[in-house]
Amino acid sequence: MNFYIKTLGCKVNQYEEQVFRENLVSFGFKEAEACRADLIIVNSCTVTKHADNKTKKLIRKLKGENKTAKIFVTGCGAVFDEDVRDLESLPEVYRVISGKDKMKLLTEVFDLGSEQRIKTGITGFSSHTRVFLKIQDGCNHNCSYCKVSLVRGHSICRNEKDIIDELKVLIRGGYKEIVLTGICLGAWNDDKNRDLSYLIKKIVSLNDKFRIRLSSIEPHYINESFIDLLASNDKICRHLHIPLQSGSNHVLKLMRRRYNTDKFKKMIDQIREKLPYAGITIDVIAGFPGETENDFKTTLNFIREIAPARMHVFRYSDRKGTPSFLFKDKISPRAAKERVSELINVGKKLERDFCQMFVNKEVEVLVEKPVKSEYKREGYTGEYIKVRSNDLRWKEGDIVKVKVKDIDARKNFLIVGDILHVPE
């Protein structure tokens, strides 16, 4: 029987897609294109209303491509009873399996046996050069706008042995970059109350040639000793994605974030003192309820002050069940859209400025799949800057050392000059 999986959303969702894939293949199912599949799994995201709509649009598209396939829906968009009923009402959907019990898709729906027979880890990552390794799930923070913490539940951490064993399998499989990921990555700890720093030290102590990247980490998990750890080992990518969400203390309080701008700025300064070329990327939400024009201008000024390498900008999305859903002083869609546009423009300039710092510098690049453009090869530095080259010695999955010649100011990527080292 043929299957097809499509995932929307975060790295954790993508990791869980791979868990589905490996289990189905091990029990004799064959992966196929959507148009040839007997069974289609849609692994949904619900971080915004737009994500919910994308799920429904995808379901209709897949059914249009394959009238006879049975479409199963799971994931974060299939947890709340109201959301489940909404998805079940779609004529294209064969069955909805709650995101809280998504493994029942394998044990009960596809009848693969008991949970003891189901593998919860992975051995590779389909169509990816870098591999995601889930070490944690859930979140205890309850930010006022966040539905993900409601559908994922409280923080749960994988044990050290399972993580290290899986990591070794992935390294033996040829992966040179492993991205540690979780819903709240910094919350990882074990039954002896050892934290993420402990786990990272254990990982980088392995003798194999690889590098690790942290997917996203909340500001209050980053302290001086954590920064020292990152600065002390070349196996750790000099890249931190740290959600800011707002540069206004008034809005941060409404969001129930656990820091203010002074603390955030102090953390950024500490990182740059030890890692002056670190790629610091951030998330920002525009148009949060109660965000005044002055709050927005304060956010713009703060972002210019901390000068992130890149930022992901989101327009605030009302999520039913969250505290902010009931907040008054909602921002009009037009005003929120204008704020998003202004933030994106500021972000492009800051990204260009960051790229410029690397001209005539040596960088290590993880080579991705070949691209169809004037440059035939593409990859990412440890700082998470896109690099392009026409050197055909670049092989997918290798880490090559190169010297940067210039930047493409239109699209903010580095252009390679001299090749300093290519693995044999």
Protein backbone atom coordinates (compact mmCIF):
# COMPACT_ATOMS: atom_id res chain seq x y z
CA MET A 1 0.00 0.00 0.00
CA ASN A 2 1.33 3.45 -0.93
CA PHE A 3 1.40 6.46 1.37
CA TYR A 4 2.22 10.16 1.14
CA ILE A 5 2.90 12.56 4.03
CA LYS A 6 2.74 16.34 3.98
CA THR A 7 3.73 18.38 7.03
CA LEU A 8 3.07 22.01 7.82
CA GLY A 9 4.86 23.98 10.50
CA CYS A 10 7.85 23.63 12.76
CA LYS A 11 10.91 21.39 12.93
CA VAL A 12 9.28 19.22 15.62
CA ASN A 13 6.39 18.50 13.25
CA GLN A 14 8.88 17.65 10.51
CA TYR A 15 10.75 15.30 12.85
CA GLU A 16 7.48 13.56 13.71
CA GLU A 17 6.73 13.18 9.99
CA GLN A 18 9.98 11.24 9.67
CA VAL A 19 8.93 9.01 12.59
CA PHE A 20 5.72 8.20 10.71
CA ARG A 21 7.65 7.57 7.49
CA GLU A 22 10.19 5.16 8.99
CA ASN A 23 7.54 3.16 10.82
CA LEU A 24 5.32 2.83 7.76
CA VAL A 25 8.23 1.75 5.55
CA SER A 26 9.42 -0.78 8.13
CA PHE A 27 5.95 -2.39 8.07
CA GLY A 28 5.91 -2.73 4.30
CA PHE A 29 4.19 0.47 3.18
CA LYS A 30 5.73 2.29 0.21
CA GLU A 31 6.13 6.04 -0.08
CA ALA A 32 4.76 7.54 -3.28
CA GLU A 33 3.77 10.85 -4.81
CA ALA A 34 0.43 12.25 -3.65
CA CYS A 35 -1.28 11.38 -6.93
CA ARG A 36 -0.33 7.69 -6.56
CA ALA A 37 -0.92 7.25 -2.82
CA ASP A 38 -3.62 5.09 -1.27
CA LEU A 39 -3.23 6.87 2.08
CA ILE A 40 -2.37 10.53 2.63
CA ILE A 41 -1.35 11.94 6.01
CA VAL A 42 -1.61 15.69 6.62
CA ASN A 43 0.39 16.73 9.69
CA SER A 44 -1.10 20.12 10.56
CA CYS A 45 0.11 23.32 12.23
CA THR A 46 -2.03 25.76 14.22
CA VAL A 47 0.40 28.53 15.24
CA THR A 48 -1.74 31.10 13.38
CA LYS A 49 -5.13 31.27 11.70
CA HIS A 50 -3.23 31.36 8.42
CA ALA A 51 -1.71 27.97 9.31
CA ASP A 52 -5.21 26.54 9.90
CA ASN A 53 -6.33 27.82 6.52
CA LYS A 54 -3.23 26.40 4.83
CA THR A 55 -4.13 22.97 6.23
CA LYS A 56 -7.63 23.12 4.72
CA LYS A 57 -6.32 24.44 1.41
CA LEU A 58 -3.75 21.63 1.31
CA ILE A 59 -6.40 18.98 2.01
CA ARG A 60 -8.55 20.23 -0.88
CA LYS A 61 -5.53 20.36 -3.19
CA LEU A 62 -4.45 16.81 -2.33
CA LYS A 63 -7.96 15.45 -2.84
CA GLY A 64 -8.11 17.23 -6.19
CA GLU A 65 -4.91 15.44 -7.23
CA ASN A 66 -6.09 12.05 -5.98
CA LYS A 67 -9.83 11.41 -5.75
CA THR A 68 -9.50 7.87 -4.38
CA ALA A 69 -6.95 8.41 -1.59
CA LYS A 70 -8.00 8.33 2.04
CA ILE A 71 -6.84 11.51 3.76
CA PHE A 72 -5.94 11.33 7.45
CA VAL A 73 -5.34 14.55 9.39
CA THR A 74 -3.36 14.89 12.63
CA GLY A 75 -0.97 17.37 14.25
CA CYS A 76 -1.39 20.53 16.28
CA GLY A 77 -4.41 21.70 14.28
CA ALA A 78 -6.30 18.57 15.33
CA VAL A 79 -6.31 18.80 19.13
CA PHE A 80 -9.11 21.10 20.32
CA ASP A 81 -12.56 19.50 19.97
CA GLU A 82 -13.77 22.45 17.91
CA ASP A 83 -10.82 22.15 15.52
CA VAL A 84 -11.33 18.39 15.18
CA ARG A 85 -15.02 18.87 14.35
CA ASP A 86 -14.10 21.55 11.82
CA LEU A 87 -11.67 19.21 10.06
CA GLU A 88 -14.09 16.26 10.24
CA SER A 89 -16.70 18.38 8.48
CA LEU A 90 -14.52 18.62 5.37
CA PRO A 91 -15.80 16.13 2.76
CA GLU A 92 -12.23 15.43 1.63
CA VAL A 93 -11.16 14.13 5.06
CA TYR A 94 -11.43 10.41 5.74
CA ARG A 95 -10.46 10.56 9.42
CA VAL A 96 -8.99 12.96 12.01
CA ILE A 97 -6.60 11.65 14.67
CA SER A 98 -5.95 13.97 17.61
CA GLY A 99 -2.50 15.53 17.63
CA LYS A 100 -2.22 14.49 21.28
CA ASP A 101 -2.53 10.83 20.23
CA LYS A 102 -0.94 10.97 16.80
CA MET A 103 0.86 7.64 17.26
CA LYS A 104 -2.60 6.00 17.25
CA LEU A 105 -2.48 6.70 13.53
CA LEU A 106 0.10 3.92 13.37
CA THR A 107 -1.08 1.56 16.10
CA GLU A 108 -4.84 1.67 15.58
CA VAL A 109 -5.69 3.18 12.22
CA PHE A 110 -2.94 1.51 10.19
CA ASP A 111 -2.93 -1.48 12.54
CA LEU A 112 0.85 -1.71 12.96
CA GLY A 113 0.51 -3.43 16.33
CA SER A 114 1.14 -2.30 19.89
CA GLU A 115 2.99 0.85 20.87
CA GLN A 116 5.96 -1.31 21.88
CA ARG A 117 6.49 -2.15 18.20
CA ILE A 118 6.49 1.49 17.12
CA LYS A 119 9.84 3.29 16.86
CA THR A 120 9.80 6.79 18.33
CA GLY A 121 13.19 7.82 16.92
CA ILE A 122 14.63 8.21 13.45
CA THR A 123 17.63 6.94 11.48
CA GLY A 124 17.69 9.59 8.74
CA PHE A 125 15.78 12.54 7.33
CA SER A 126 14.11 12.26 3.96
CA SER A 127 15.14 14.97 1.44
CA HIS A 128 17.12 16.94 4.05
CA THR A 129 20.83 17.75 4.13
CA ARG A 130 20.72 18.69 7.79
CA VAL A 131 18.81 16.51 10.20
CA PHE A 132 16.47 17.56 13.02
CA LEU A 133 16.78 15.76 16.35
CA LYS A 134 13.85 16.24 18.70
CA ILE A 135 14.96 16.32 22.33
CA GLN A 136 11.95 17.97 23.98
CA ASP A 137 8.22 18.60 23.53
CA GLY A 138 5.62 20.90 25.10
CA CYS A 139 5.94 24.22 26.92
CA ASN A 140 5.21 25.51 30.43
CA HIS A 141 5.38 29.24 29.69
CA ASN A 142 1.80 30.08 28.69
CA CYS A 143 2.48 33.25 26.71
CA SER A 144 -0.82 35.05 26.28
CA TYR A 145 -0.96 34.66 22.47
CA CYS A 146 0.34 31.11 22.07
CA LYS A 147 -1.90 28.20 21.13
CA VAL A 148 1.01 25.81 20.67
CA SER A 149 1.62 25.45 24.41
CA LEU A 150 -2.07 24.56 24.81
CA VAL A 151 -2.11 21.85 22.16
CA ARG A 152 1.34 20.43 22.92
CA GLY A 153 0.91 20.39 26.71
CA HIS A 154 3.53 20.60 29.44
CA SER A 155 7.24 20.19 28.79
CA ILE A 156 8.46 16.61 28.32
CA CYS A 157 12.14 15.78 27.76
CA ARG A 158 13.76 12.79 26.09
CA ASN A 159 16.41 11.05 28.12
CA GLU A 160 20.09 11.55 27.44
CA LYS A 161 20.80 7.99 26.33
CA ASP A 162 18.07 7.96 23.67
CA ILE A 163 19.27 11.30 22.32
CA ILE A 164 22.95 10.30 22.16
CA ASP A 165 22.18 6.89 20.65
CA GLU A 166 20.02 8.47 17.96
CA LEU A 167 22.63 11.13 17.31
CA LYS A 168 25.29 8.46 16.72
CA VAL A 169 23.03 6.69 14.22
CA LEU A 170 22.48 9.95 12.32
CA ILE A 171 26.21 10.74 12.26
CA ARG A 172 26.97 7.23 10.95
CA GLY A 173 24.36 7.94 8.28
CA GLY A 174 26.56 10.74 6.98
CA TYR A 175 24.81 13.80 8.40
CA LYS A 176 27.25 16.62 9.16
CA GLU A 177 24.78 19.02 10.82
CA ILE A 178 22.30 18.04 13.51
CA VAL A 179 19.71 20.60 14.60
CA LEU A 180 18.58 20.10 18.20
CA THR A 181 14.91 20.95 18.30
CA GLY A 182 11.97 21.11 20.66
CA ILE A 183 8.88 23.18 21.33
CA CYS A 184 10.78 24.86 24.17
CA LEU A 185 14.33 23.66 23.59
CA GLY A 186 15.91 25.46 26.55
CA ALA A 187 13.62 23.62 28.97
CA TRP A 188 15.45 20.32 28.44
CA ASN A 189 16.59 18.70 31.67
CA ASP A 190 16.90 15.19 33.04
CA ASP A 191 15.87 13.37 36.21
CA LYS A 192 19.03 14.66 37.91
CA ASN A 193 18.09 18.24 37.00
CA ARG A 194 20.97 18.60 34.53
CA ASP A 195 20.18 21.19 31.88
CA LEU A 196 20.69 21.77 28.17
CA SER A 197 24.31 22.86 28.67
CA TYR A 198 25.08 19.45 30.15
CA LEU A 199 23.51 17.70 27.16
CA ILE A 200 25.38 19.87 24.65
CA LYS A 201 28.69 19.09 26.41
CA LYS A 202 27.96 15.37 26.12
CA ILE A 203 27.12 15.74 22.43
CA VAL A 204 30.19 17.76 21.43
CA SER A 205 32.46 15.35 23.34
CA LEU A 206 31.83 12.76 20.61
CA ASN A 207 34.87 12.36 18.35
CA ASP A 208 33.00 12.33 15.04
CA LYS A 209 33.13 15.23 12.56
CA PHE A 210 29.82 17.07 12.72
CA ARG A 211 28.31 20.31 13.95
CA ILE A 212 25.16 21.02 15.92
CA ARG A 213 22.73 23.90 15.65
CA LEU A 214 20.11 24.99 18.17
CA SER A 215 16.72 25.51 16.55
CA SER A 216 15.29 28.21 18.85
CA ILE A 217 15.84 29.10 22.47
CA GLU A 218 13.99 31.42 24.83
CA PRO A 219 16.01 34.36 26.25
CA HIS A 220 15.85 33.36 29.91
CA TYR A 221 17.72 30.10 29.21
CA ILE A 222 20.74 32.02 27.91
CA ASN A 223 23.23 33.02 30.61
CA GLU A 224 26.95 33.68 30.75
CA SER A 225 27.96 30.06 31.25
CA PHE A 226 25.77 29.01 28.30
CA ILE A 227 27.42 31.64 26.10
CA ASP A 228 30.87 30.49 27.27
CA LEU A 229 29.97 26.94 26.22
CA LEU A 230 28.97 28.09 22.73
CA ALA A 231 32.17 30.12 22.39
CA SER A 232 34.40 27.27 23.55
CA ASN A 233 33.57 24.59 20.99
CA ASP A 234 33.73 24.77 17.18
CA LYS A 235 31.17 21.97 16.85
CA ILE A 236 28.43 24.38 17.95
CA CYS A 237 27.14 26.68 15.22
CA ARG A 238 27.55 30.37 16.01
CA HIS A 239 23.85 30.93 15.51
CA LEU A 240 21.13 31.58 18.07
CA HIS A 241 17.49 32.05 17.18
CA ILE A 242 16.02 33.94 20.13
CA PRO A 243 12.34 34.98 20.06
CA LEU A 244 12.03 38.69 20.93
CA GLN A 245 8.36 39.22 19.91
CA SER A 246 8.35 42.93 20.84
CA GLY A 247 10.77 45.71 21.70
CA SER A 248 8.18 47.43 23.92
CA ASN A 249 8.09 46.53 27.62
CA HIS A 250 4.39 47.39 27.67
CA VAL A 251 3.66 44.82 24.95
CA LEU A 252 6.03 42.22 26.43
CA LYS A 253 4.05 42.40 29.66
CA LEU A 254 0.77 41.93 27.78
CA MET A 255 2.34 38.94 26.02
CA ARG A 256 3.41 37.44 29.38
CA ARG A 257 7.00 37.20 28.25
CA ARG A 258 9.57 36.55 30.99
CA TYR A 259 11.98 39.42 30.31
CA ASN A 260 12.11 43.10 29.48
CA THR A 261 14.16 44.93 26.87
CA ASP A 262 16.96 45.75 29.32
CA LYS A 263 17.50 42.05 30.06
CA PHE A 264 17.29 41.16 26.38
CA LYS A 265 19.82 43.84 25.42
CA LYS A 266 22.20 42.74 28.19
CA MET A 267 22.01 39.16 26.87
CA ILE A 268 22.74 40.29 23.30
CA ASP A 269 25.73 42.31 24.52
CA GLN A 270 27.08 39.30 26.42
CA ILE A 271 26.77 37.11 23.31
CA ARG A 272 28.54 39.64 21.09
CA GLU A 273 31.32 40.13 23.64
CA LYS A 274 32.25 36.44 23.36
CA LEU A 275 30.97 35.78 19.81
CA PRO A 276 31.21 39.03 17.82
CA TYR A 277 30.24 37.35 14.53
CA ALA A 278 27.39 35.23 15.91
CA GLY A 279 24.25 35.08 13.81
CA ILE A 280 21.49 36.24 16.14
CA THR A 281 18.05 35.84 14.61
CA ILE A 282 14.75 36.83 16.20
CA ASP A 283 10.96 36.54 15.93
CA VAL A 284 8.76 39.64 16.09
CA ILE A 285 4.96 39.88 16.28
CA ALA A 286 3.38 43.01 14.78
CA GLY A 287 -0.06 44.30 15.68
CA PHE A 288 -0.46 42.68 19.09
CA PRO A 289 -3.66 43.86 20.87
CA GLY A 290 -2.87 47.06 22.74
CA GLU A 291 0.28 47.79 20.73
CA THR A 292 0.20 51.56 20.28
CA GLU A 293 1.97 53.50 17.56
CA ASN A 294 4.52 54.51 20.17
CA ASP A 295 5.01 50.85 21.17
CA PHE A 296 5.67 49.99 17.55
CA LYS A 297 8.19 52.80 17.08
CA THR A 298 9.90 51.68 20.30
CA THR A 299 10.12 48.16 18.87
CA LEU A 300 11.64 49.44 15.61
CA ASN A 301 14.25 51.46 17.51
CA PHE A 302 15.08 48.54 19.78
CA ILE A 303 15.54 46.20 16.83
CA ARG A 304 17.88 48.68 15.15
CA GLU A 305 19.81 48.89 18.43
CA ILE A 306 20.33 45.14 18.86
CA ALA A 307 20.84 44.67 15.07
CA PRO A 308 19.84 41.01 14.54
CA ALA A 309 21.26 39.12 11.58
CA ARG A 310 17.77 38.25 10.41
CA MET A 311 14.26 38.39 11.76
CA HIS A 312 11.05 36.49 11.15
CA VAL A 313 8.06 38.84 11.24
CA PHE A 314 4.55 37.64 12.01
CA ARG A 315 1.28 39.52 12.05
CA TYR A 316 -0.60 38.88 15.28
CA SER A 317 -3.18 36.12 14.89
CA ASP A 318 -6.11 35.65 17.28
CA ARG A 319 -6.09 32.10 18.63
CA LYS A 320 -9.25 30.97 20.37
CA GLY A 321 -8.48 29.60 23.84
CA THR A 322 -5.56 31.94 24.46
CA PRO A 323 -5.82 34.92 26.88
CA SER A 324 -5.05 37.46 24.13
CA PHE A 325 -8.09 36.27 22.17
CA LEU A 326 -10.18 38.14 24.78
CA PHE A 327 -8.02 41.27 24.82
CA LYS A 328 -9.56 44.51 23.68
CA ASP A 329 -7.80 47.24 21.67
CA LYS A 330 -7.31 44.97 18.66
CA ILE A 331 -5.20 46.46 15.88
CA SER A 332 -6.84 46.78 12.48
CA PRO A 333 -5.61 44.31 9.82
CA ARG A 334 -4.49 47.21 7.65
CA ALA A 335 -2.39 48.81 10.41
CA ALA A 336 -0.90 45.43 11.36
CA LYS A 337 -0.02 44.72 7.74
CA GLU A 338 1.72 48.09 7.43
CA ARG A 339 3.74 47.37 10.58
CA VAL A 340 4.76 43.96 9.23
CA SER A 341 5.94 45.60 6.00
CA GLU A 342 7.99 48.19 7.87
CA LEU A 343 9.60 45.54 10.06
CA ILE A 344 10.49 43.43 7.04
CA ASN A 345 12.20 46.39 5.37
CA VAL A 346 14.23 47.12 8.51
CA GLY A 347 15.11 43.42 8.73
CA LYS A 348 16.40 43.29 5.14
CA LYS A 349 18.80 46.16 5.77
CA LEU A 350 20.08 44.62 9.00
CA GLU A 351 20.55 41.27 7.26
CA ARG A 352 22.55 42.96 4.49
CA ASP A 353 24.71 44.73 7.08
CA PHE A 354 25.40 41.42 8.80
CA CYS A 355 26.33 39.70 5.53
CA GLN A 356 28.74 42.53 4.73
CA MET A 357 30.74 41.68 7.87
CA PHE A 358 31.83 38.41 6.24
CA VAL A 359 33.31 39.75 3.01
CA ASN A 360 36.96 38.61 2.79
CA LYS A 361 36.40 36.30 5.77
CA GLU A 362 36.74 32.51 5.88
CA VAL A 363 33.56 30.55 6.59
CA GLU A 364 32.52 26.90 6.76
CA VAL A 365 29.52 26.00 4.61
CA LEU A 366 27.22 22.98 4.77
CA VAL A 367 26.44 22.25 1.11
CA GLU A 368 22.75 21.83 0.26
CA LYS A 369 21.10 20.46 -2.89
CA PRO A 370 22.15 21.97 -6.25
CA VAL A 371 20.13 25.05 -7.21
CA LYS A 372 18.79 26.32 -10.51
CA SER A 373 20.25 29.80 -10.74
CA GLU A 374 23.33 31.57 -12.03
CA TYR A 375 25.15 29.86 -9.12
CA LYS A 376 24.98 26.05 -9.17
CA ARG A 377 25.82 25.34 -5.53
CA GLU A 378 24.32 26.63 -2.30
CA GLY A 379 24.81 26.13 1.42
CA TYR A 380 24.72 27.76 4.85
CA THR A 381 27.42 28.93 7.20
CA GLY A 382 27.40 28.12 10.88
CA GLU A 383 25.98 31.63 11.40
CA TYR A 384 23.09 30.63 9.11
CA ILE A 385 23.96 32.83 6.15
CA LYS A 386 23.17 31.55 2.68
CA VAL A 387 26.25 31.11 0.45
CA ARG A 388 26.35 30.43 -3.28
CA SER A 389 29.12 29.29 -5.60
CA ASN A 390 29.76 27.80 -9.02
CA ASP A 391 32.44 25.42 -7.75
CA LEU A 392 31.22 21.98 -8.80
CA ARG A 393 33.51 20.30 -6.25
CA TRP A 394 30.89 21.18 -3.65
CA LYS A 395 29.04 17.97 -2.81
CA GLU A 396 25.71 17.87 -1.01
CA GLY A 397 26.17 17.15 2.69
CA ASP A 398 29.84 18.19 2.84
CA ILE A 399 31.15 21.03 4.97
CA VAL A 400 33.58 23.12 2.90
CA LYS A 401 35.83 25.96 4.02
CA VAL A 402 35.69 28.97 1.70
CA LYS A 403 36.63 32.62 1.49
CA VAL A 404 33.82 35.11 0.87
CA LYS A 405 34.34 37.42 -2.11
CA ASP A 406 31.20 39.56 -2.06
CA ILE A 407 27.50 39.68 -1.20
CA ASP A 408 24.44 39.77 -3.41
CA ALA A 409 22.76 42.84 -1.96
CA ARG A 410 19.46 42.06 -3.68
CA LYS A 411 18.89 38.72 -1.96
CA ASN A 412 21.34 38.87 0.93
CA PHE A 413 23.58 35.89 0.29
CA LEU A 414 27.34 35.53 0.25
CA ILE A 415 29.29 34.88 -2.95
CA VAL A 416 32.32 32.63 -2.61
CA GLY A 417 35.78 33.49 -3.92
CA ASP A 418 38.61 31.16 -2.98
CA ILE A 419 37.98 27.52 -2.05
CA LEU A 420 40.21 26.80 0.92
CA HIS A 421 39.24 23.22 1.69
CA VAL A 422 36.98 20.60 0.10
CA PRO A 423 36.63 17.17 1.77
CA GLU A 424 38.14 14.35 -0.28
